[in-house]
């Protein structure tokens, strides 16, 4: 994901506004689907908080944190507005939080599969119109890898990312709350990883591995 966000600014420097617009659209779509699915999962498990606060929406403006979006473009690490979740509504709070957290990354992987599938349909039909070719390029080379990247990034077991909440379901209560206590330090660690380039390298390897696997399902 970080690699593709860095390319956004290379595109801007080169004056390729169309490519930049495509990447911005992909970022907004991936973040919106991710957060909406958190809310849908929580609602399905009995928590109406996201629904009552109108977060079950595909309108990006309901989910975007503008400072987080700016950070994403600046350093390759950013965030959307967290969907409000009240674990008291869940029969099993730890399990409910884990499933709600997992819904976000899973939605990104499914979005990547859908994007590659759409590109395959266009490929089989042929490029009979420039607009179809543009959709093909957007789905296959922008939306799919970016969505995979966002899903993998959020599965890192570092608070406050989704992976930490999923891992928390397997931890004893005492250990779980101890880990969550360091959530703010996890954010600092993520920023440091972004600046050092270590995070970019690891995530880029993961993106390519998962992306190739999904690509090979259709091509």
Protein backbone atom coordinates (compact mmCIF):
# COMPACT_ATOMS: atom_id res chain seq x y z
CA UNK A 1 0.00 0.00 0.00
CA UNK A 2 2.75 2.43 0.92
CA UNK A 3 4.38 1.89 -2.48
CA UNK A 4 1.21 2.87 -4.31
CA UNK A 5 0.65 5.92 -2.14
CA UNK A 6 4.19 7.07 -2.85
CA UNK A 7 3.49 6.67 -6.56
CA UNK A 8 0.59 9.08 -6.16
CA UNK A 9 2.97 11.95 -5.61
CA UNK A 10 5.29 10.82 -8.38
CA UNK A 11 2.24 11.02 -10.64
CA UNK A 12 1.50 14.52 -9.41
CA UNK A 13 5.09 15.59 -10.03
CA UNK A 14 4.87 14.31 -13.58
CA UNK A 15 1.61 16.10 -14.15
CA UNK A 16 -0.37 12.91 -14.61
CA UNK A 17 -3.55 14.17 -13.00
CA UNK A 18 -5.61 11.28 -14.33
CA UNK A 19 -3.43 8.71 -12.58
CA UNK A 20 -3.43 10.77 -9.39
CA UNK A 21 -7.23 11.06 -9.47
CA UNK A 22 -7.54 7.29 -9.95
CA UNK A 23 -5.36 6.62 -6.92
CA UNK A 24 -7.26 9.11 -4.77
CA UNK A 25 -10.55 7.49 -5.82
CA UNK A 26 -9.14 4.05 -4.95
CA UNK A 27 -7.99 5.22 -1.51
CA UNK A 28 -11.41 6.71 -0.73
CA UNK A 29 -13.23 3.60 -1.95
CA UNK A 30 -11.02 1.20 0.01
CA UNK A 31 -11.29 3.19 3.24
CA UNK A 32 -15.06 3.65 2.88
CA UNK A 33 -15.75 -0.03 2.26
CA UNK A 34 -13.42 -0.98 5.12
CA UNK A 35 -15.13 1.24 7.70
CA UNK A 36 -18.66 0.50 6.48
CA UNK A 37 -18.06 -3.23 6.88
CA UNK A 38 -16.85 -2.69 10.44
CA UNK A 39 -20.20 -1.06 11.14
CA UNK A 40 -22.20 -3.75 9.34
CA UNK A 41 -20.45 -6.51 11.29
CA UNK A 42 -21.06 -4.77 14.61
CA UNK A 43 -24.71 -4.23 13.69
CA UNK A 44 -25.12 -7.90 12.73
CA UNK A 45 -23.69 -8.88 16.13
CA UNK A 46 -26.20 -6.70 17.96
CA UNK A 47 -24.50 -3.31 18.29
CA UNK A 48 -26.66 -0.53 16.75
CA UNK A 49 -24.16 2.27 17.50
CA UNK A 50 -22.77 2.63 13.96
CA UNK A 51 -26.26 2.56 12.47
CA UNK A 52 -27.56 5.20 14.89
CA UNK A 53 -24.63 7.46 14.00
CA UNK A 54 -25.21 6.99 10.25
CA UNK A 55 -21.93 5.19 9.64
CA UNK A 56 -23.49 2.36 7.59
CA UNK A 57 -22.95 4.43 4.48
CA UNK A 58 -20.80 4.30 1.36
CA UNK A 59 -20.53 8.08 1.40
CA UNK A 60 -16.78 8.72 1.92
CA UNK A 61 -17.49 11.99 3.73
CA UNK A 62 -18.99 10.05 6.64
CA UNK A 63 -15.78 8.10 7.16
CA UNK A 64 -12.85 10.26 6.11
CA UNK A 65 -10.62 11.83 8.73
CA UNK A 66 -9.00 14.62 6.72
CA UNK A 67 -5.85 14.77 8.82
CA UNK A 68 -5.51 10.98 8.62
CA UNK A 69 -5.97 11.15 4.85
CA UNK A 70 -3.30 13.85 4.60
CA UNK A 71 -0.92 11.71 6.66
CA UNK A 72 -1.58 8.77 4.36
CA UNK A 73 -0.46 10.77 1.34
CA UNK A 74 2.42 12.40 3.23
CA UNK A 75 4.05 9.39 4.90
CA UNK A 76 2.12 6.37 3.57
CA UNK A 77 0.35 5.84 6.88
CA UNK A 78 -3.06 7.24 7.72
CA UNK A 79 -6.52 6.45 8.99
CA UNK A 80 -10.24 7.06 8.60
CA UNK A 81 -12.69 7.93 11.36
CA UNK A 82 -13.01 4.80 13.52
CA UNK A 83 -16.50 3.33 13.44
CA UNK A 84 -17.98 3.58 16.96
CA UNK A 85 -18.45 0.16 18.53
CA UNK A 86 -19.94 -0.60 21.96
CA UNK A 87 -18.84 -4.12 23.01
CA UNK A 88 -21.47 -4.18 25.76
CA UNK A 89 -24.02 -5.12 23.10
CA UNK A 90 -22.11 -8.27 22.18
CA UNK A 91 -22.86 -11.59 23.88
CA UNK A 92 -19.12 -12.24 23.97
CA UNK A 93 -17.38 -8.82 23.90
CA UNK A 94 -13.91 -10.09 22.92
CA UNK A 95 -15.25 -12.32 20.17
CA UNK A 96 -17.56 -9.56 18.95
CA UNK A 97 -14.71 -7.05 18.80
CA UNK A 98 -12.52 -9.55 16.93
CA UNK A 99 -15.19 -10.32 14.32
CA UNK A 100 -15.99 -6.63 13.90
CA UNK A 101 -12.30 -5.84 13.44
CA UNK A 102 -11.78 -8.71 10.99
CA UNK A 103 -14.64 -7.51 8.79
CA UNK A 104 -12.59 -4.52 7.61
CA UNK A 105 -9.56 -6.37 6.16
CA UNK A 106 -11.77 -9.16 4.77
CA UNK A 107 -13.85 -6.56 2.92
CA UNK A 108 -10.67 -5.18 1.36
CA UNK A 109 -9.59 -8.61 0.11
CA UNK A 110 -13.07 -9.20 -1.33
CA UNK A 111 -12.97 -5.78 -2.99
CA UNK A 112 -9.64 -6.73 -4.57
CA UNK A 113 -11.15 -9.99 -5.86
CA UNK A 114 -14.10 -8.07 -7.31
CA UNK A 115 -11.78 -5.56 -9.00
CA UNK A 116 -9.70 -8.33 -10.61
CA UNK A 117 -12.88 -10.16 -11.67
CA UNK A 118 -14.21 -6.99 -13.35
CA UNK A 119 -10.90 -6.54 -15.16
CA UNK A 120 -11.13 -10.14 -16.38
CA UNK A 121 -14.62 -9.60 -17.79
CA UNK A 122 -13.43 -6.48 -19.63
CA UNK A 123 -10.38 -8.40 -20.88
CA UNK A 124 -12.58 -11.17 -22.28
CA UNK A 125 -14.92 -8.66 -23.93
CA UNK A 126 -12.06 -6.71 -25.49
CA UNK A 127 -11.22 -3.01 -25.33
CA UNK A 128 -13.92 -1.64 -27.61
CA UNK A 129 -13.99 1.77 -25.94
CA UNK A 130 -11.30 3.89 -24.24
CA UNK A 131 -13.50 4.11 -21.12
CA UNK A 132 -13.46 0.32 -20.76
CA UNK A 133 -9.69 0.29 -20.99
CA UNK A 134 -9.53 2.98 -18.30
CA UNK A 135 -11.77 0.90 -16.00
CA UNK A 136 -9.62 -2.17 -16.70
CA UNK A 137 -6.42 -0.35 -15.78
CA UNK A 138 -8.00 1.19 -12.67
CA UNK A 139 -9.35 -2.12 -11.34
CA UNK A 140 -6.30 -4.25 -12.06
CA UNK A 141 -3.39 -1.91 -11.38
CA UNK A 142 -4.75 0.59 -8.84
CA UNK A 143 -7.80 -0.59 -6.87
CA UNK A 144 -6.87 -4.26 -6.42
CA UNK A 145 -3.29 -3.85 -5.11
CA UNK A 146 -4.22 -0.87 -2.95
CA UNK A 147 -7.13 -2.78 -1.41
CA UNK A 148 -4.86 -5.75 -0.69
CA UNK A 149 -2.35 -3.39 0.89
CA UNK A 150 -4.92 -1.79 3.17
CA UNK A 151 -6.20 -5.19 4.26
CA UNK A 152 -2.72 -6.50 5.07
CA UNK A 153 -1.69 -3.31 6.83
CA UNK A 154 -4.70 -3.47 9.13
CA UNK A 155 -3.97 -7.10 10.01
CA UNK A 156 -0.67 -6.16 11.64
CA UNK A 157 -1.03 -7.11 15.34
CA UNK A 158 -0.17 -3.60 16.52
CA UNK A 159 -2.75 -1.54 18.45
CA UNK A 160 -4.88 0.23 17.31
CA UNK A 161 -4.96 -1.79 14.06
CA UNK A 162 -7.57 -4.49 13.47
CA UNK A 163 -4.99 -7.26 13.81
CA UNK A 164 -4.46 -6.41 17.48
CA UNK A 165 -8.19 -6.76 18.17
CA UNK A 166 -8.32 -10.09 16.34
CA UNK A 167 -5.30 -11.35 18.28
CA UNK A 168 -6.88 -10.08 21.49
CA UNK A 169 -9.68 -12.63 21.19
CA UNK A 170 -7.11 -15.39 21.81
CA UNK A 171 -5.50 -13.67 24.80
CA UNK A 172 -6.54 -13.93 28.46
CA UNK A 173 -8.47 -10.89 29.64
CA UNK A 174 -5.56 -9.52 31.66
CA UNK A 175 -3.14 -9.78 28.73
CA UNK A 176 -5.71 -8.31 26.34
CA UNK A 177 -6.27 -5.17 28.40
CA UNK A 178 -2.52 -4.84 28.96
CA UNK A 179 -1.95 -4.81 25.19
CA UNK A 180 -4.77 -2.33 24.56
CA UNK A 181 -3.27 -0.02 27.20
CA UNK A 182 -0.35 0.62 24.83
CA UNK A 183 -2.56 1.56 21.88
CA UNK A 184 -1.23 5.13 21.63
CA UNK A 185 2.35 3.86 21.55
CA UNK A 186 1.40 1.50 18.75
CA UNK A 187 0.41 4.50 16.65
CA UNK A 188 3.82 6.03 17.27
CA UNK A 189 5.52 2.77 16.28
CA UNK A 190 3.57 2.70 13.01
CA UNK A 191 4.63 6.25 12.16
CA UNK A 192 8.28 5.37 12.88
CA UNK A 193 8.03 2.28 10.67
CA UNK A 194 6.65 4.45 7.88
CA UNK A 195 9.55 6.89 8.10
CA UNK A 196 12.25 4.19 8.31
CA UNK A 197 10.95 2.30 5.29
CA UNK A 198 10.93 -1.04 7.14
CA UNK A 199 7.14 -1.12 7.17
CA UNK A 200 6.99 -0.28 3.46
CA UNK A 201 9.32 -3.15 2.55
CA UNK A 202 7.48 -5.78 4.59
CA UNK A 203 4.03 -4.68 3.43
CA UNK A 204 5.17 -4.46 -0.21
CA UNK A 205 6.32 -8.10 -0.07
CA UNK A 206 2.97 -9.10 1.39
CA UNK A 207 1.03 -7.10 -1.18
CA UNK A 208 2.82 -8.71 -4.11
CA UNK A 209 2.41 -12.23 -2.70
CA UNK A 210 -1.33 -11.88 -2.05
CA UNK A 211 -1.94 -9.90 -5.24
CA UNK A 212 -0.20 -12.53 -7.38
CA UNK A 213 -2.29 -15.23 -5.70
CA UNK A 214 -5.55 -13.42 -6.45
CA UNK A 215 -4.38 -12.52 -9.96
CA UNK A 216 -3.63 -16.18 -10.70
CA UNK A 217 -7.21 -17.11 -9.79
CA UNK A 218 -8.46 -15.23 -12.84
CA UNK A 219 -5.55 -15.03 -15.32
